[in-house]
């Protein structure tokens, strides 16, 4: 039987802290929240693996170190309204809910949304909700957001997401670079203009629904 408390401790001490994650609020949440409660039963024994975690239907949870560094970079505050794109089973939404005022966890898979809703309720998290819809379209009903987190690699960040940022809002995503390497980028809206900068490289799996449309040449 897996000792989940020990696995969580070693995730934080072996994967999170050694990789420049110093935000104590974030570290505390990662130390306390049971990741195994947000994955299928078949994956619970490896819930704290230092890699993307497959959860079925071609979907994955981000590697803990990459996820933690992304959240630290986007600087979630207690008053922030957050959109979590690609929320899957709700773990990332739950972490964000412990850091922010309110969170919408968006996924395109109704089964994952149902699992996330149940898992969030099971942890007594009342300031987050899981919804279903196309990931690249965001969730305009609750916009604008102070923070948007994109939980996987995308070829580019569409304006449909950046337009849902509030003034001063931040978005963090992994944008496909050359070859198989992705670039974790931090976007920010200032005076109505969205700019971005590269933070570090990562190689998570792609999110569905962001594929570039084919262009026709005449």
C-alpha atoms as a PDB file:
ATOM      1  CA  UNK A   1       0.000   0.000   0.000  1.00  0.00           C
ATOM      2  CA  UNK A   2       1.309   3.430  -0.966  1.00  0.00           C
ATOM      3  CA  UNK A   3       2.140   5.837   1.857  1.00  0.00           C
ATOM      4  CA  UNK A   4       0.685   8.921   0.198  1.00  0.00           C
ATOM      5  CA  UNK A   5       1.808  11.329   2.922  1.00  0.00           C
ATOM      6  CA  UNK A   6       5.395  10.150   2.467  1.00  0.00           C
ATOM      7  CA  UNK A   7       5.108  10.318  -1.323  1.00  0.00           C
ATOM      8  CA  UNK A   8       3.798  13.873  -1.078  1.00  0.00           C
ATOM      9  CA  UNK A   9       6.649  14.831   1.244  1.00  0.00           C
ATOM     10  CA  UNK A  10       9.253  13.438  -1.143  1.00  0.00           C
ATOM     11  CA  UNK A  11       7.566  15.174  -4.093  1.00  0.00           C
ATOM     12  CA  UNK A  12       7.967  18.521  -2.351  1.00  0.00           C
ATOM     13  CA  UNK A  13      11.449  17.909  -0.976  1.00  0.00           C
ATOM     14  CA  UNK A  14      12.815  16.094  -4.037  1.00  0.00           C
ATOM     15  CA  UNK A  15      11.053  17.757  -6.963  1.00  0.00           C
ATOM     16  CA  UNK A  16       9.675  21.129  -5.853  1.00  0.00           C
ATOM     17  CA  UNK A  17      12.102  22.796  -3.469  1.00  0.00           C
ATOM     18  CA  UNK A  18      15.308  21.873  -5.405  1.00  0.00           C
ATOM     19  CA  UNK A  19      13.876  23.502  -8.547  1.00  0.00           C
ATOM     20  CA  UNK A  20      13.733  27.134  -7.431  1.00  0.00           C
ATOM     21  CA  UNK A  21      10.209  27.013  -5.988  1.00  0.00           C
ATOM     22  CA  UNK A  22      10.374  29.289  -2.956  1.00  0.00           C
ATOM     23  CA  UNK A  23       6.784  30.588  -2.670  1.00  0.00           C
ATOM     24  CA  UNK A  24       5.884  29.274   0.777  1.00  0.00           C
ATOM     25  CA  UNK A  25       2.123  29.540   0.243  1.00  0.00           C
ATOM     26  CA  UNK A  26       2.439  27.347  -2.827  1.00  0.00           C
ATOM     27  CA  UNK A  27       4.787  24.877  -1.130  1.00  0.00           C
ATOM     28  CA  UNK A  28       2.372  24.563   1.787  1.00  0.00           C
ATOM     29  CA  UNK A  29      -0.552  23.753  -0.509  1.00  0.00           C
ATOM     30  CA  UNK A  30       1.448  21.170  -2.446  1.00  0.00           C
ATOM     31  CA  UNK A  31       2.519  19.629   0.860  1.00  0.00           C
ATOM     32  CA  UNK A  32      -1.049  19.289   2.107  1.00  0.00           C
ATOM     33  CA  UNK A  33      -3.330  18.604  -0.876  1.00  0.00           C
ATOM     34  CA  UNK A  34      -3.730  14.879  -1.711  1.00  0.00           C
ATOM     35  CA  UNK A  35      -2.877  14.589  -5.407  1.00  0.00           C
ATOM     36  CA  UNK A  36      -4.022  10.966  -5.391  1.00  0.00           C
ATOM     37  CA  UNK A  37      -7.601  12.109  -4.764  1.00  0.00           C
ATOM     38  CA  UNK A  38      -7.718  13.734  -8.204  1.00  0.00           C
ATOM     39  CA  UNK A  39      -6.522  10.874 -10.411  1.00  0.00           C
ATOM     40  CA  UNK A  40      -8.116   7.554 -11.433  1.00  0.00           C
ATOM     41  CA  UNK A  41      -7.703   4.732  -8.946  1.00  0.00           C
ATOM     42  CA  UNK A  42      -5.357   2.938 -11.351  1.00  0.00           C
ATOM     43  CA  UNK A  43      -2.941   5.896 -11.241  1.00  0.00           C
ATOM     44  CA  UNK A  44      -2.958   6.612  -7.528  1.00  0.00           C
ATOM     45  CA  UNK A  45       0.117   4.527  -6.792  1.00  0.00           C
ATOM     46  CA  UNK A  46       2.179   6.806  -9.071  1.00  0.00           C
ATOM     47  CA  UNK A  47       0.358  10.056  -8.321  1.00  0.00           C
ATOM     48  CA  UNK A  48       3.584  11.776  -7.246  1.00  0.00           C
ATOM     49  CA  UNK A  49       5.837  10.664 -10.109  1.00  0.00           C
ATOM     50  CA  UNK A  50       8.302  13.279 -11.407  1.00  0.00           C
ATOM     51  CA  UNK A  51       6.864  13.234 -14.923  1.00  0.00           C
ATOM     52  CA  UNK A  52       3.604  13.979 -16.704  1.00  0.00           C
ATOM     53  CA  UNK A  53       1.053  11.555 -15.237  1.00  0.00           C
ATOM     54  CA  UNK A  54      -1.276   9.751 -17.696  1.00  0.00           C
ATOM     55  CA  UNK A  55      -4.884   9.767 -16.475  1.00  0.00           C
ATOM     56  CA  UNK A  56      -6.602   8.152 -19.485  1.00  0.00           C
ATOM     57  CA  UNK A  57      -8.081   9.242 -22.821  1.00  0.00           C
ATOM     58  CA  UNK A  58      -4.719  10.642 -23.877  1.00  0.00           C
ATOM     59  CA  UNK A  59      -4.684  13.202 -21.075  1.00  0.00           C
ATOM     60  CA  UNK A  60      -2.000  13.935 -18.480  1.00  0.00           C
ATOM     61  CA  UNK A  61      -1.367  15.902 -15.303  1.00  0.00           C
ATOM     62  CA  UNK A  62       1.615  18.217 -15.575  1.00  0.00           C
ATOM     63  CA  UNK A  63       4.873  17.139 -13.985  1.00  0.00           C
ATOM     64  CA  UNK A  64       4.776  18.569 -10.414  1.00  0.00           C
ATOM     65  CA  UNK A  65       7.970  20.611 -10.808  1.00  0.00           C
ATOM     66  CA  UNK A  66       6.784  22.253 -14.054  1.00  0.00           C
ATOM     67  CA  UNK A  67       3.349  22.945 -12.584  1.00  0.00           C
ATOM     68  CA  UNK A  68       4.822  24.480  -9.416  1.00  0.00           C
ATOM     69  CA  UNK A  69       7.243  26.714 -11.320  1.00  0.00           C
ATOM     70  CA  UNK A  70       4.425  27.919 -13.585  1.00  0.00           C
ATOM     71  CA  UNK A  71       2.231  28.819 -10.613  1.00  0.00           C
ATOM     72  CA  UNK A  72       5.082  30.578  -8.850  1.00  0.00           C
ATOM     73  CA  UNK A  73       5.804  32.613 -11.980  1.00  0.00           C
ATOM     74  CA  UNK A  74       2.220  33.743 -12.420  1.00  0.00           C
ATOM     75  CA  UNK A  75       2.087  34.929  -8.801  1.00  0.00           C
ATOM     76  CA  UNK A  76      -1.406  33.935  -7.691  1.00  0.00           C
ATOM     77  CA  UNK A  77      -2.770  36.286  -5.038  1.00  0.00           C
ATOM     78  CA  UNK A  78      -5.560  35.700  -2.492  1.00  0.00           C
ATOM     79  CA  UNK A  79      -7.866  38.156  -4.291  1.00  0.00           C
ATOM     80  CA  UNK A  80      -7.327  36.754  -7.809  1.00  0.00           C
ATOM     81  CA  UNK A  81      -9.987  35.308 -10.096  1.00  0.00           C
ATOM     82  CA  UNK A  82      -8.450  32.376 -11.976  1.00  0.00           C
ATOM     83  CA  UNK A  83      -9.213  30.328 -15.089  1.00  0.00           C
ATOM     84  CA  UNK A  84      -7.575  26.894 -15.173  1.00  0.00           C
ATOM     85  CA  UNK A  85      -7.508  25.650 -18.791  1.00  0.00           C
ATOM     86  CA  UNK A  86      -7.170  21.890 -19.173  1.00  0.00           C
ATOM     87  CA  UNK A  87      -8.164  21.207 -15.575  1.00  0.00           C
ATOM     88  CA  UNK A  88      -8.524  17.436 -16.118  1.00  0.00           C
ATOM     89  CA  UNK A  89      -9.466  15.731 -12.831  1.00  0.00           C
ATOM     90  CA  UNK A  90      -9.295  18.964 -10.846  1.00  0.00           C
ATOM     91  CA  UNK A  91      -5.939  18.782  -9.037  1.00  0.00           C
ATOM     92  CA  UNK A  92      -4.596  21.986 -10.549  1.00  0.00           C
ATOM     93  CA  UNK A  93      -7.926  23.703  -9.897  1.00  0.00           C
ATOM     94  CA  UNK A  94      -7.805  22.604  -6.268  1.00  0.00           C
ATOM     95  CA  UNK A  95      -4.262  23.942  -5.804  1.00  0.00           C
ATOM     96  CA  UNK A  96      -5.264  27.253  -7.365  1.00  0.00           C
ATOM     97  CA  UNK A  97      -8.396  27.415  -5.206  1.00  0.00           C
ATOM     98  CA  UNK A  98      -6.222  27.258  -2.076  1.00  0.00           C
ATOM     99  CA  UNK A  99      -4.238  30.254  -3.382  1.00  0.00           C
ATOM    100  CA  UNK A 100      -6.879  32.457  -5.043  1.00  0.00           C
ATOM    101  CA  UNK A 101     -10.325  33.947  -4.422  1.00  0.00           C
ATOM    102  CA  UNK A 102     -12.163  31.896  -7.042  1.00  0.00           C
ATOM    103  CA  UNK A 103     -11.287  29.416  -9.796  1.00  0.00           C
ATOM    104  CA  UNK A 104     -12.989  28.054 -12.890  1.00  0.00           C
ATOM    105  CA  UNK A 105     -11.532  24.711 -13.967  1.00  0.00           C
ATOM    106  CA  UNK A 106     -12.231  24.254 -17.690  1.00  0.00           C
ATOM    107  CA  UNK A 107     -11.918  20.962 -19.533  1.00  0.00           C
ATOM    108  CA  UNK A 108     -13.206  19.624 -22.847  1.00  0.00           C
ATOM    109  CA  UNK A 109     -13.877  16.133 -21.448  1.00  0.00           C
ATOM    110  CA  UNK A 110     -17.206  15.780 -19.655  1.00  0.00           C
ATOM    111  CA  UNK A 111     -15.991  12.706 -17.783  1.00  0.00           C
ATOM    112  CA  UNK A 112     -13.002  14.590 -16.393  1.00  0.00           C
ATOM    113  CA  UNK A 113     -15.224  17.519 -15.437  1.00  0.00           C
ATOM    114  CA  UNK A 114     -17.517  15.178 -13.510  1.00  0.00           C
ATOM    115  CA  UNK A 115     -14.511  13.619 -11.758  1.00  0.00           C
ATOM    116  CA  UNK A 116     -13.142  17.070 -10.923  1.00  0.00           C
ATOM    117  CA  UNK A 117     -16.479  18.196  -9.497  1.00  0.00           C
ATOM    118  CA  UNK A 118     -16.609  15.147  -7.233  1.00  0.00           C
ATOM    119  CA  UNK A 119     -12.971  15.476  -6.148  1.00  0.00           C
ATOM    120  CA  UNK A 120     -13.302  19.179  -5.346  1.00  0.00           C
ATOM    121  CA  UNK A 121     -16.391  18.471  -3.250  1.00  0.00           C
ATOM    122  CA  UNK A 122     -14.577  15.635  -1.531  1.00  0.00           C
ATOM    123  CA  UNK A 123     -11.866  18.052  -0.423  1.00  0.00           C
ATOM    124  CA  UNK A 124     -14.396  20.630   0.757  1.00  0.00           C
ATOM    125  CA  UNK A 125     -13.307  23.187  -1.835  1.00  0.00           C
ATOM    126  CA  UNK A 126     -16.175  25.627  -2.331  1.00  0.00           C
ATOM    127  CA  UNK A 127     -14.506  28.488  -4.222  1.00  0.00           C
ATOM    128  CA  UNK A 128     -13.925  26.520  -7.442  1.00  0.00           C
ATOM    129  CA  UNK A 129     -16.149  24.984 -10.082  1.00  0.00           C
ATOM    130  CA  UNK A 130     -15.438  22.580 -12.955  1.00  0.00           C
ATOM    131  CA  UNK A 131     -17.012  23.298 -16.346  1.00  0.00           C
ATOM    132  CA  UNK A 132     -16.900  21.693 -19.788  1.00  0.00           C
ATOM    133  CA  UNK A 133     -16.142  23.473 -23.052  1.00  0.00           C
ATOM    134  CA  UNK A 134     -13.579  24.004 -25.820  1.00  0.00           C
ATOM    135  CA  UNK A 135     -10.264  24.792 -24.134  1.00  0.00           C
ATOM    136  CA  UNK A 136      -9.069  27.361 -26.673  1.00  0.00           C
ATOM    137  CA  UNK A 137     -12.224  29.437 -26.164  1.00  0.00           C
ATOM    138  CA  UNK A 138     -11.714  29.895 -22.437  1.00  0.00           C
ATOM    139  CA  UNK A 139     -14.755  30.639 -20.291  1.00  0.00           C
ATOM    140  CA  UNK A 140     -15.989  34.127 -21.109  1.00  0.00           C
ATOM    141  CA  UNK A 141     -18.980  33.901 -18.763  1.00  0.00           C
ATOM    142  CA  UNK A 142     -16.745  34.564 -15.760  1.00  0.00           C
ATOM    143  CA  UNK A 143     -14.166  36.815 -17.430  1.00  0.00           C
ATOM    144  CA  UNK A 144     -12.131  38.887 -16.893  1.00  0.00           C
ATOM    145  CA  UNK A 145      -9.542  36.855 -14.973  1.00  0.00           C
ATOM    146  CA  UNK A 146      -6.522  38.030 -13.034  1.00  0.00           C
ATOM    147  CA  UNK A 147      -4.749  34.746 -13.794  1.00  0.00           C
ATOM    148  CA  UNK A 148      -5.093  32.117 -16.535  1.00  0.00           C
ATOM    149  CA  UNK A 149      -3.094  28.880 -16.342  1.00  0.00           C
ATOM    150  CA  UNK A 150      -2.871  26.616 -19.395  1.00  0.00           C
ATOM    151  CA  UNK A 151      -2.155  23.042 -18.267  1.00  0.00           C
ATOM    152  CA  UNK A 152      -0.206  21.655 -21.235  1.00  0.00           C
ATOM    153  CA  UNK A 153       1.646  22.507 -24.412  1.00  0.00           C
ATOM    154  CA  UNK A 154      -0.061  24.566 -27.124  1.00  0.00           C
ATOM    155  CA  UNK A 155       1.225  25.734 -30.526  1.00  0.00           C
ATOM    156  CA  UNK A 156       0.277  29.297 -29.619  1.00  0.00           C
ATOM    157  CA  UNK A 157      -1.881  31.132 -27.103  1.00  0.00           C
ATOM    158  CA  UNK A 158      -5.037  32.306 -28.892  1.00  0.00           C
ATOM    159  CA  UNK A 159      -6.413  35.803 -28.487  1.00  0.00           C
ATOM    160  CA  UNK A 160      -9.636  34.187 -27.266  1.00  0.00           C
ATOM    161  CA  UNK A 161      -7.739  33.518 -24.021  1.00  0.00           C
ATOM    162  CA  UNK A 162      -5.652  36.682 -23.722  1.00  0.00           C
ATOM    163  CA  UNK A 163      -8.786  38.778 -24.291  1.00  0.00           C
ATOM    164  CA  UNK A 164     -10.204  37.286 -21.088  1.00  0.00           C
ATOM    165  CA  UNK A 165      -7.377  38.752 -18.993  1.00  0.00           C
ATOM    166  CA  UNK A 166      -8.152  41.682 -16.729  1.00  0.00           C
ATOM    167  CA  UNK A 167      -5.906  44.732 -16.789  1.00  0.00           C
ATOM    168  CA  UNK A 168      -2.688  43.641 -15.121  1.00  0.00           C
ATOM    169  CA  UNK A 169      -3.729  40.013 -15.592  1.00  0.00           C
ATOM    170  CA  UNK A 170      -1.196  37.230 -16.154  1.00  0.00           C
ATOM    171  CA  UNK A 171      -1.341  34.071 -18.235  1.00  0.00           C
ATOM    172  CA  UNK A 172       1.168  31.233 -18.109  1.00  0.00           C
ATOM    173  CA  UNK A 173       1.375  28.565 -20.805  1.00  0.00           C
ATOM    174  CA  UNK A 174       3.815  26.171 -22.444  1.00  0.00           C
ATOM    175  CA  UNK A 175       4.209  27.200 -26.089  1.00  0.00           C
ATOM    176  CA  UNK A 176       5.658  24.719 -28.549  1.00  0.00           C
ATOM    177  CA  UNK A 177       9.122  25.797 -29.650  1.00  0.00           C
ATOM    178  CA  UNK A 178      11.506  24.186 -32.106  1.00  0.00           C
ATOM    179  CA  UNK A 179      11.481  20.405 -32.183  1.00  0.00           C
ATOM    180  CA  UNK A 180      10.025  18.803 -29.072  1.00  0.00           C
ATOM    181  CA  UNK A 181      11.026  21.561 -26.659  1.00  0.00           C
ATOM    182  CA  UNK A 182       8.359  23.832 -25.234  1.00  0.00           C
ATOM    183  CA  UNK A 183       8.827  27.301 -23.790  1.00  0.00           C
ATOM    184  CA  UNK A 184       7.019  28.260 -20.605  1.00  0.00           C
ATOM    185  CA  UNK A 185       5.882  31.801 -21.305  1.00  0.00           C
ATOM    186  CA  UNK A 186       4.406  34.432 -19.006  1.00  0.00           C
ATOM    187  CA  UNK A 187       1.919  36.803 -20.674  1.00  0.00           C
ATOM    188  CA  UNK A 188       0.658  40.016 -19.083  1.00  0.00           C
ATOM    189  CA  UNK A 189      -1.915  42.626 -20.077  1.00  0.00           C
ATOM    190  CA  UNK A 190      -0.730  46.177 -19.386  1.00  0.00           C
ATOM    191  CA  UNK A 191      -2.618  49.213 -20.716  1.00  0.00           C
ATOM    192  CA  UNK A 192      -4.600  46.876 -22.944  1.00  0.00           C
ATOM    193  CA  UNK A 193      -1.506  45.394 -24.599  1.00  0.00           C
ATOM    194  CA  UNK A 194      -0.474  41.773 -24.029  1.00  0.00           C
ATOM    195  CA  UNK A 195       3.242  40.974 -24.053  1.00  0.00           C
ATOM    196  CA  UNK A 196       5.144  37.821 -23.104  1.00  0.00           C
ATOM    197  CA  UNK A 197       8.535  36.549 -22.062  1.00  0.00           C
ATOM    198  CA  UNK A 198      10.146  33.118 -21.897  1.00  0.00           C
ATOM    199  CA  UNK A 199      10.723  31.710 -18.397  1.00  0.00           C
ATOM    200  CA  UNK A 200      12.167  28.220 -18.916  1.00  0.00           C
ATOM    201  CA  UNK A 201      11.944  25.164 -21.168  1.00  0.00           C
ATOM    202  CA  UNK A 202       9.670  22.179 -20.572  1.00  0.00           C
ATOM    203  CA  UNK A 203       8.287  19.240 -22.550  1.00  0.00           C
ATOM    204  CA  UNK A 204       4.763  18.455 -21.324  1.00  0.00           C
ATOM    205  CA  UNK A 205       2.159  16.737 -23.467  1.00  0.00           C
ATOM    206  CA  UNK A 206      -0.082  18.768 -25.759  1.00  0.00           C
ATOM    207  CA  UNK A 207      -3.578  19.935 -24.884  1.00  0.00           C
ATOM    208  CA  UNK A 208      -6.363  19.107 -27.346  1.00  0.00           C
ATOM    209  CA  UNK A 209      -8.246  21.786 -29.257  1.00  0.00           C
ATOM    210  CA  UNK A 210      -5.376  24.201 -29.880  1.00  0.00           C
ATOM    211  CA  UNK A 211      -4.205  22.775 -33.198  1.00  0.00           C
ATOM    212  CA  UNK A 212      -3.365  25.377 -35.830  1.00  0.00           C
ATOM    213  CA  UNK A 213      -5.835  25.457 -38.676  1.00  0.00           C
ATOM    214  CA  UNK A 214      -4.396  24.451 -42.031  1.00  0.00           C
ATOM    215  CA  UNK A 215      -3.890  27.353 -44.428  1.00  0.00           C
ATOM    216  CA  UNK A 216      -4.522  27.102 -48.141  1.00  0.00           C
ATOM    217  CA  UNK A 217      -2.097  28.437 -50.697  1.00  0.00           C
ATOM    218  CA  UNK A 218      -3.523  29.394 -54.095  1.00  0.00           C
END
